[in-house]
Protein backbone atom coordinates (compact mmCIF):
# COMPACT_ATOMS: atom_id res chain seq x y z
CA UNK A 1 0.00 0.00 0.00
CA UNK A 2 1.27 3.46 -0.89
CA UNK A 3 -0.17 6.82 0.11
CA UNK A 4 -0.03 10.39 -1.14
CA UNK A 5 -0.59 13.08 1.48
CA UNK A 6 -1.40 16.59 0.27
CA UNK A 7 -0.43 18.82 3.19
CA UNK A 8 0.70 22.30 4.24
CA UNK A 9 2.99 23.72 6.89
CA UNK A 10 1.61 24.18 10.44
CA UNK A 11 -1.23 21.69 9.88
CA UNK A 12 -1.87 19.49 12.94
CA UNK A 13 -4.11 17.07 11.03
CA UNK A 14 -1.40 16.67 8.37
CA UNK A 15 1.12 15.77 11.09
CA UNK A 16 -1.33 13.28 12.63
CA UNK A 17 -2.08 11.68 9.24
CA UNK A 18 1.62 11.19 8.47
CA UNK A 19 2.24 9.76 11.96
CA UNK A 20 -0.66 7.32 11.54
CA UNK A 21 0.66 6.14 8.17
CA UNK A 22 4.14 5.68 9.66
CA UNK A 23 2.73 3.73 12.61
CA UNK A 24 1.00 1.37 10.16
CA UNK A 25 4.16 0.98 8.09
CA UNK A 26 2.60 2.61 5.03
CA UNK A 27 4.95 4.48 2.71
CA UNK A 28 3.75 7.89 1.65
CA UNK A 29 4.70 10.75 -0.62
CA UNK A 30 4.08 14.16 0.87
CA UNK A 31 2.92 16.90 -1.48
CA UNK A 32 3.19 20.10 0.54
CA UNK A 33 1.38 23.09 -0.99
CA UNK A 34 3.47 25.44 1.20
CA UNK A 35 6.67 24.22 -0.44
CA UNK A 36 7.11 22.36 -3.75
CA UNK A 37 3.49 21.97 -4.84
CA UNK A 38 0.73 24.48 -5.64
CA UNK A 39 -2.91 24.76 -4.69
CA UNK A 40 -3.69 24.49 -8.40
CA UNK A 41 -1.99 21.07 -8.52
CA UNK A 42 -3.96 20.02 -5.44
CA UNK A 43 -7.22 21.11 -7.07
CA UNK A 44 -6.35 19.19 -10.23
CA UNK A 45 -5.97 16.05 -8.11
CA UNK A 46 -8.92 16.79 -5.78
CA UNK A 47 -11.28 19.36 -7.35
CA UNK A 48 -13.52 19.40 -4.25
CA UNK A 49 -10.67 19.94 -1.74
CA UNK A 50 -11.46 22.62 0.83
CA UNK A 51 -9.21 21.42 3.64
CA UNK A 52 -5.92 19.64 4.15
CA UNK A 53 -4.73 17.00 4.37
CA UNK A 54 -6.14 15.22 1.34
CA UNK A 55 -5.01 11.60 1.35
CA UNK A 56 -4.90 8.94 -1.34
CA UNK A 57 -4.32 5.25 -0.61
CA UNK A 58 -3.32 3.22 -3.66
CA UNK A 59 -4.53 6.05 -5.93
CA UNK A 60 -7.99 6.14 -4.29
CA UNK A 61 -9.04 9.35 -2.53
CA UNK A 62 -9.73 8.62 1.13
CA UNK A 63 -10.29 12.21 2.29
CA UNK A 64 -8.81 13.85 5.37
CA UNK A 65 -7.29 12.57 8.61
CA UNK A 66 -10.61 11.46 10.13
CA UNK A 67 -11.47 9.38 7.07
CA UNK A 68 -7.95 7.92 6.98
CA UNK A 69 -8.14 6.90 10.65
CA UNK A 70 -11.55 5.30 10.09
CA UNK A 71 -10.35 3.39 7.00
CA UNK A 72 -7.19 2.08 8.70
CA UNK A 73 -9.05 0.89 11.80
CA UNK A 74 -11.87 -0.92 9.97
PDB file of N, CA and C in Angstrom:
ATOM      1  N   UNK A   1       0.852  -1.185   0.000  1.00  0.00           N
ATOM      2  CA  UNK A   1       0.000   0.000   0.000  1.00  0.00           C
ATOM      3  C   UNK A   1       0.887   1.234   0.000  1.00  0.00           C
ATOM      4  N   UNK A   2       0.519   2.209  -0.812  1.00  0.00           N
ATOM      5  CA  UNK A   2       1.265   3.459  -0.886  1.00  0.00           C
ATOM      6  C   UNK A   2       0.273   4.608  -0.769  1.00  0.00           C
ATOM      7  N   UNK A   3       0.702   5.675  -0.114  1.00  0.00           N
ATOM      8  CA  UNK A   3      -0.174   6.817   0.107  1.00  0.00           C
ATOM      9  C   UNK A   3       0.442   8.093  -0.464  1.00  0.00           C
ATOM     10  N   UNK A   4      -0.431   9.028  -0.796  1.00  0.00           N
ATOM     11  CA  UNK A   4      -0.034  10.391  -1.136  1.00  0.00           C
ATOM     12  C   UNK A   4      -0.768  11.290  -0.150  1.00  0.00           C
ATOM     13  N   UNK A   5      -0.015  12.167   0.504  1.00  0.00           N
ATOM     14  CA  UNK A   5      -0.592  13.084   1.479  1.00  0.00           C
ATOM     15  C   UNK A   5      -0.377  14.511   0.981  1.00  0.00           C
ATOM     16  N   UNK A   6      -1.457  15.165   0.587  1.00  0.00           N
ATOM     17  CA  UNK A   6      -1.403  16.586   0.269  1.00  0.00           C
ATOM     18  C   UNK A   6      -1.482  17.320   1.595  1.00  0.00           C
ATOM     19  N   UNK A   7      -0.506  18.182   1.880  1.00  0.00           N
ATOM     20  CA  UNK A   7      -0.429  18.823   3.188  1.00  0.00           C
ATOM     21  C   UNK A   7       0.011  20.276   3.042  1.00  0.00           C
ATOM     22  N   UNK A   8       0.134  20.943   4.194  1.00  0.00           N
ATOM     23  CA  UNK A   8       0.696  22.295   4.239  1.00  0.00           C
ATOM     24  C   UNK A   8       1.424  22.438   5.570  1.00  0.00           C
ATOM     25  N   UNK A   9       2.258  23.456   5.658  1.00  0.00           N
ATOM     26  CA  UNK A   9       2.987  23.716   6.890  1.00  0.00           C
ATOM     27  C   UNK A   9       2.015  24.105   8.008  1.00  0.00           C
ATOM     28  N   UNK A  10       2.390  23.812   9.250  1.00  0.00           N
ATOM     29  CA  UNK A  10       1.612  24.179  10.441  1.00  0.00           C
ATOM     30  C   UNK A  10       0.200  23.609  10.411  1.00  0.00           C
ATOM     31  N   UNK A  11       0.068  22.356   9.977  1.00  0.00           N
ATOM     32  CA  UNK A  11      -1.233  21.694   9.885  1.00  0.00           C
ATOM     33  C   UNK A  11      -1.233  20.493  10.826  1.00  0.00           C
ATOM     34  N   UNK A  12      -1.903  20.600  11.980  1.00  0.00           N
ATOM     35  CA  UNK A  12      -1.868  19.489  12.936  1.00  0.00           C
ATOM     36  C   UNK A  12      -2.476  18.191  12.398  1.00  0.00           C
ATOM     37  N   UNK A  13      -3.512  18.280  11.581  1.00  0.00           N
ATOM     38  CA  UNK A  13      -4.113  17.067  11.027  1.00  0.00           C
ATOM     39  C   UNK A  13      -3.180  16.406  10.013  1.00  0.00           C
ATOM     40  N   UNK A  14      -2.384  17.224   9.306  1.00  0.00           N
ATOM     41  CA  UNK A  14      -1.405  16.671   8.370  1.00  0.00           C
ATOM     42  C   UNK A  14      -0.347  15.880   9.143  1.00  0.00           C
ATOM     43  N   UNK A  15       0.120  16.441  10.246  1.00  0.00           N
ATOM     44  CA  UNK A  15       1.116  15.765  11.087  1.00  0.00           C
ATOM     45  C   UNK A  15       0.547  14.454  11.626  1.00  0.00           C
ATOM     46  N   UNK A  16      -0.698  14.483  12.092  1.00  0.00           N
ATOM     47  CA  UNK A  16      -1.331  13.276  12.626  1.00  0.00           C
ATOM     48  C   UNK A  16      -1.503  12.211  11.541  1.00  0.00           C
ATOM     49  N   UNK A  17      -1.880  12.633  10.342  1.00  0.00           N
ATOM     50  CA  UNK A  17      -2.075  11.677   9.243  1.00  0.00           C
ATOM     51  C   UNK A  17      -0.759  10.999   8.895  1.00  0.00           C
ATOM     52  N   UNK A  18       0.323  11.766   8.802  1.00  0.00           N
ATOM     53  CA  UNK A  18       1.624  11.188   8.474  1.00  0.00           C
ATOM     54  C   UNK A  18       2.091  10.245   9.580  1.00  0.00           C
ATOM     55  N   UNK A  19       1.852  10.623  10.836  1.00  0.00           N
ATOM     56  CA  UNK A  19       2.237   9.764  11.961  1.00  0.00           C
ATOM     57  C   UNK A  19       1.447   8.456  11.942  1.00  0.00           C
ATOM     58  N   UNK A  20       0.163   8.522  11.604  1.00  0.00           N
ATOM     59  CA  UNK A  20      -0.661   7.318  11.537  1.00  0.00           C
ATOM     60  C   UNK A  20      -0.163   6.391  10.427  1.00  0.00           C
ATOM     61  N   UNK A  21       0.137   6.947   9.272  1.00  0.00           N
ATOM     62  CA  UNK A  21       0.657   6.136   8.167  1.00  0.00           C
ATOM     63  C   UNK A  21       1.975   5.471   8.572  1.00  0.00           C
ATOM     64  N   UNK A  22       2.854   6.232   9.212  1.00  0.00           N
ATOM     65  CA  UNK A  22       4.138   5.681   9.657  1.00  0.00           C
ATOM     66  C   UNK A  22       3.931   4.558  10.668  1.00  0.00           C
ATOM     67  N   UNK A  23       2.980   4.748  11.585  1.00  0.00           N
ATOM     68  CA  UNK A  23       2.730   3.726  12.614  1.00  0.00           C
ATOM     69  C   UNK A  23       2.191   2.427  12.008  1.00  0.00           C
ATOM     70  N   UNK A  24       1.537   2.548  10.854  1.00  0.00           N
ATOM     71  CA  UNK A  24       0.997   1.368  10.163  1.00  0.00           C
ATOM     72  C   UNK A  24       1.982   0.804   9.140  1.00  0.00           C
ATOM     73  N   UNK A  25       3.156   1.444   9.025  1.00  0.00           N
ATOM     74  CA  UNK A  25       4.164   0.975   8.086  1.00  0.00           C
ATOM     75  C   UNK A  25       3.814   1.246   6.629  1.00  0.00           C
ATOM     76  N   UNK A  26       3.026   2.278   6.390  1.00  0.00           N
ATOM     77  CA  UNK A  26       2.596   2.608   5.028  1.00  0.00           C
ATOM     78  C   UNK A  26       3.479   3.724   4.483  1.00  0.00           C
ATOM     79  N   UNK A  27       4.128   3.457   3.357  1.00  0.00           N
ATOM     80  CA  UNK A  27       4.952   4.477   2.709  1.00  0.00           C
ATOM     81  C   UNK A  27       4.050   5.560   2.150  1.00  0.00           C
ATOM     82  N   UNK A  28       4.538   6.808   2.221  1.00  0.00           N
ATOM     83  CA  UNK A  28       3.748   7.892   1.645  1.00  0.00           C
ATOM     84  C   UNK A  28       4.655   8.918   0.986  1.00  0.00           C
ATOM     85  N   UNK A  29       4.060   9.604   0.021  1.00  0.00           N
ATOM     86  CA  UNK A  29       4.703  10.749  -0.624  1.00  0.00           C
ATOM     87  C   UNK A  29       3.964  11.978  -0.131  1.00  0.00           C
ATOM     88  N   UNK A  30       4.707  12.926   0.407  1.00  0.00           N
ATOM     89  CA  UNK A  30       4.084  14.163   0.869  1.00  0.00           C
ATOM     90  C   UNK A  30       4.141  15.205  -0.235  1.00  0.00           C
ATOM     91  N   UNK A  31       3.004  15.818  -0.494  1.00  0.00           N
ATOM     92  CA  UNK A  31       2.918  16.904  -1.476  1.00  0.00           C
ATOM     93  C   UNK A  31       2.465  18.158  -0.725  1.00  0.00           C
ATOM     94  N   UNK A  32       3.444  18.951  -0.320  1.00  0.00           N
ATOM     95  CA  UNK A  32       3.191  20.103   0.545  1.00  0.00           C
ATOM     96  C   UNK A  32       2.943  21.346  -0.310  1.00  0.00           C
ATOM     97  N   UNK A  33       1.731  21.918  -0.184  1.00  0.00           N
ATOM     98  CA  UNK A  33       1.380  23.092  -0.989  1.00  0.00           C
ATOM     99  C   UNK A  33       2.025  24.369  -0.458  1.00  0.00           C
ATOM    100  N   UNK A  34       2.712  24.293   0.690  1.00  0.00           N
ATOM    101  CA  UNK A  34       3.467  25.436   1.205  1.00  0.00           C
ATOM    102  C   UNK A  34       4.894  25.433   0.667  1.00  0.00           C
ATOM    103  N   UNK A  35       5.284  24.338   0.005  1.00  0.00           N
ATOM    104  CA  UNK A  35       6.675  24.221  -0.438  1.00  0.00           C
ATOM    105  C   UNK A  35       6.772  23.960  -1.938  1.00  0.00           C
ATOM    106  N   UNK A  36       6.816  22.688  -2.349  1.00  0.00           N
ATOM    107  CA  UNK A  36       7.114  22.361  -3.749  1.00  0.00           C
ATOM    108  C   UNK A  36       5.891  22.150  -4.633  1.00  0.00           C
ATOM    109  N   UNK A  37       4.706  22.206  -4.074  1.00  0.00           N
ATOM    110  CA  UNK A  37       3.487  21.967  -4.839  1.00  0.00           C
ATOM    111  C   UNK A  37       2.585  23.188  -4.729  1.00  0.00           C
ATOM    112  N   UNK A  38       1.627  23.311  -5.652  1.00  0.00           N
ATOM    113  CA  UNK A  38       0.733  24.481  -5.644  1.00  0.00           C
ATOM    114  C   UNK A  38      -0.704  24.051  -5.330  1.00  0.00           C
ATOM    115  N   UNK A  39      -1.484  25.024  -4.926  1.00  0.00           N
ATOM    116  CA  UNK A  39      -2.911  24.756  -4.688  1.00  0.00           C
ATOM    117  C   UNK A  39      -3.589  24.326  -5.991  1.00  0.00           C
ATOM    118  N   UNK A  40      -3.127  24.869  -7.101  1.00  0.00           N
ATOM    119  CA  UNK A  40      -3.691  24.487  -8.399  1.00  0.00           C
ATOM    120  C   UNK A  40      -3.468  22.999  -8.665  1.00  0.00           C
ATOM    121  N   UNK A  41      -2.271  22.497  -8.340  1.00  0.00           N
ATOM    122  CA  UNK A  41      -1.993  21.074  -8.520  1.00  0.00           C
ATOM    123  C   UNK A  41      -2.868  20.234  -7.591  1.00  0.00           C
ATOM    124  N   UNK A  42      -3.063  20.710  -6.371  1.00  0.00           N
ATOM    125  CA  UNK A  42      -3.961  20.024  -5.440  1.00  0.00           C
ATOM    126  C   UNK A  42      -5.363  19.953  -6.032  1.00  0.00           C
ATOM    127  N   UNK A  43      -5.851  21.070  -6.544  1.00  0.00           N
ATOM    128  CA  UNK A  43      -7.220  21.106  -7.069  1.00  0.00           C
ATOM    129  C   UNK A  43      -7.377  20.304  -8.353  1.00  0.00           C
ATOM    130  N   UNK A  44      -6.288  20.101  -9.088  1.00  0.00           N
ATOM    131  CA  UNK A  44      -6.352  19.188 -10.227  1.00  0.00           C
ATOM    132  C   UNK A  44      -6.554  17.760  -9.742  1.00  0.00           C
ATOM    133  N   UNK A  45      -5.874  17.402  -8.658  1.00  0.00           N
ATOM    134  CA  UNK A  45      -5.973  16.048  -8.111  1.00  0.00           C
ATOM    135  C   UNK A  45      -7.280  15.844  -7.350  1.00  0.00           C
ATOM    136  N   UNK A  46      -7.706  16.872  -6.611  1.00  0.00           N
ATOM    137  CA  UNK A  46      -8.922  16.787  -5.785  1.00  0.00           C
ATOM    138  C   UNK A  46      -9.724  18.073  -5.996  1.00  0.00           C
ATOM    139  N   UNK A  47     -10.552  18.126  -7.039  1.00  0.00           N
ATOM    140  CA  UNK A  47     -11.280  19.359  -7.353  1.00  0.00           C
ATOM    141  C   UNK A  47     -12.171  19.875  -6.214  1.00  0.00           C
ATOM    142  N   UNK A  48     -12.616  18.997  -5.335  1.00  0.00           N
ATOM    143  CA  UNK A  48     -13.518  19.398  -4.253  1.00  0.00           C
ATOM    144  C   UNK A  48     -12.781  19.718  -2.955  1.00  0.00           C
ATOM    145  N   UNK A  49     -11.445  19.725  -2.972  1.00  0.00           N
ATOM    146  CA  UNK A  49     -10.670  19.941  -1.743  1.00  0.00           C
ATOM    147  C   UNK A  49     -10.933  21.326  -1.163  1.00  0.00           C
ATOM    148  N   UNK A  50     -11.276  21.351   0.112  1.00  0.00           N
ATOM    149  CA  UNK A  50     -11.460  22.617   0.827  1.00  0.00           C
ATOM    150  C   UNK A  50     -10.569  22.663   2.061  1.00  0.00           C
ATOM    151  N   UNK A  51     -10.053  21.504   2.457  1.00  0.00           N
ATOM    152  CA  UNK A  51      -9.206  21.420   3.644  1.00  0.00           C
ATOM    153  C   UNK A  51      -8.028  20.501   3.350  1.00  0.00           C
ATOM    154  N   UNK A  52      -7.050  20.551   4.218  1.00  0.00           N
ATOM    155  CA  UNK A  52      -5.920  19.642   4.154  1.00  0.00           C
ATOM    156  C   UNK A  52      -5.810  18.933   5.488  1.00  0.00           C
ATOM    157  N   UNK A  53      -5.296  17.718   5.492  1.00  0.00           N
ATOM    158  CA  UNK A  53      -4.726  16.995   4.368  1.00  0.00           C
ATOM    159  C   UNK A  53      -5.791  16.382   3.456  1.00  0.00           C
ATOM    160  N   UNK A  54      -5.368  16.047   2.248  1.00  0.00           N
ATOM    161  CA  UNK A  54      -6.143  15.215   1.335  1.00  0.00           C
ATOM    162  C   UNK A  54      -5.274  13.993   1.085  1.00  0.00           C
ATOM    163  N   UNK A  55      -5.822  12.817   1.337  1.00  0.00           N
ATOM    164  CA  UNK A  55      -5.010  11.604   1.351  1.00  0.00           C
ATOM    165  C   UNK A  55      -5.532  10.589   0.348  1.00  0.00           C
ATOM    166  N   UNK A  56      -4.604  10.029  -0.406  1.00  0.00           N
ATOM    167  CA  UNK A  56      -4.895   8.941  -1.340  1.00  0.00           C
ATOM    168  C   UNK A  56      -4.214   7.683  -0.820  1.00  0.00           C
ATOM    169  N   UNK A  57      -4.917   6.558  -0.879  1.00  0.00           N
ATOM    170  CA  UNK A  57      -4.322   5.246  -0.614  1.00  0.00           C
ATOM    171  C   UNK A  57      -4.447   4.441  -1.890  1.00  0.00           C
ATOM    172  N   UNK A  58      -3.319   3.973  -2.399  1.00  0.00           N
ATOM    173  CA  UNK A  58      -3.317   3.217  -3.659  1.00  0.00           C
ATOM    174  C   UNK A  58      -4.145   3.915  -4.733  1.00  0.00           C
ATOM    175  N   UNK A  59      -3.914   5.210  -4.904  1.00  0.00           N
ATOM    176  CA  UNK A  59      -4.531   6.047  -5.933  1.00  0.00           C
ATOM    177  C   UNK A  59      -6.025   6.269  -5.745  1.00  0.00           C
ATOM    178  N   UNK A  60      -6.569   5.904  -4.592  1.00  0.00           N
ATOM    179  CA  UNK A  60      -7.986   6.140  -4.294  1.00  0.00           C
ATOM    180  C   UNK A  60      -8.081   7.222  -3.228  1.00  0.00           C
ATOM    181  N   UNK A  61      -8.884   8.272  -3.490  1.00  0.00           N
ATOM    182  CA  UNK A  61      -9.045   9.349  -2.526  1.00  0.00           C
ATOM    183  C   UNK A  61      -9.772   8.841  -1.292  1.00  0.00           C
ATOM    184  N   UNK A  62      -9.127   9.007  -0.146  1.00  0.00           N
ATOM    185  CA  UNK A  62      -9.731   8.621   1.130  1.00  0.00           C
ATOM    186  C   UNK A  62     -10.417   9.830   1.752  1.00  0.00           C
ATOM    187  N   UNK A  63      -9.777  10.991   1.671  1.00  0.00           N
ATOM    188  CA  UNK A  63     -10.291  12.209   2.291  1.00  0.00           C
ATOM    189  C   UNK A  63      -9.246  12.767   3.234  1.00  0.00           C
ATOM    190  N   UNK A  64      -9.704  13.249   4.392  1.00  0.00           N
ATOM    191  CA  UNK A  64      -8.813  13.846   5.373  1.00  0.00           C
ATOM    192  C   UNK A  64      -8.366  12.866   6.442  1.00  0.00           C
ATOM    193  N   UNK A  65      -7.820  13.408   7.534  1.00  0.00           N
ATOM    194  CA  UNK A  65      -7.294  12.575   8.606  1.00  0.00           C
ATOM    195  C   UNK A  65      -8.366  11.687   9.231  1.00  0.00           C
ATOM    196  N   UNK A  66      -9.540  12.233   9.496  1.00  0.00           N
ATOM    197  CA  UNK A  66     -10.611  11.461  10.130  1.00  0.00           C
ATOM    198  C   UNK A  66     -10.997  10.257   9.277  1.00  0.00           C
ATOM    199  N   UNK A  67     -11.119  10.470   7.973  1.00  0.00           N
ATOM    200  CA  UNK A  67     -11.474   9.376   7.066  1.00  0.00           C
ATOM    201  C   UNK A  67     -10.348   8.347   6.977  1.00  0.00           C
ATOM    202  N   UNK A  68      -9.096   8.821   7.007  1.00  0.00           N
ATOM    203  CA  UNK A  68      -7.955   7.915   6.977  1.00  0.00           C
ATOM    204  C   UNK A  68      -7.951   7.034   8.228  1.00  0.00           C
ATOM    205  N   UNK A  69      -8.139   7.658   9.389  1.00  0.00           N
ATOM    206  CA  UNK A  69      -8.141   6.897  10.649  1.00  0.00           C
ATOM    207  C   UNK A  69      -9.259   5.845  10.630  1.00  0.00           C
ATOM    208  N   UNK A  70     -10.427   6.231  10.153  1.00  0.00           N
ATOM    209  CA  UNK A  70     -11.548   5.296  10.089  1.00  0.00           C
ATOM    210  C   UNK A  70     -11.224   4.130   9.152  1.00  0.00           C
ATOM    211  N   UNK A  71     -10.649   4.431   7.981  1.00  0.00           N
ATOM    212  CA  UNK A  71     -10.347   3.394   6.997  1.00  0.00           C
ATOM    213  C   UNK A  71      -9.287   2.431   7.532  1.00  0.00           C
ATOM    214  N   UNK A  72      -8.291   2.928   8.224  1.00  0.00           N
ATOM    215  CA  UNK A  72      -7.195   2.077   8.698  1.00  0.00           C
ATOM    216  C   UNK A  72      -7.532   1.308   9.973  1.00  0.00           C
ATOM    217  N   UNK A  73      -8.658   1.630  10.601  1.00  0.00           N
ATOM    218  CA  UNK A  73      -9.052   0.894  11.796  1.00  0.00           C
ATOM    219  C   UNK A  73     -10.275   0.021  11.555  1.00  0.00           C
ATOM    220  N   UNK A  74     -10.714  -0.076  10.305  1.00  0.00           N
ATOM    221  CA  UNK A  74     -11.873  -0.925   9.974  1.00  0.00           C
ATOM    222  C   UNK A  74     -11.528  -2.381  10.136  1.00  0.00           C
TER     223      UNK A  74
END
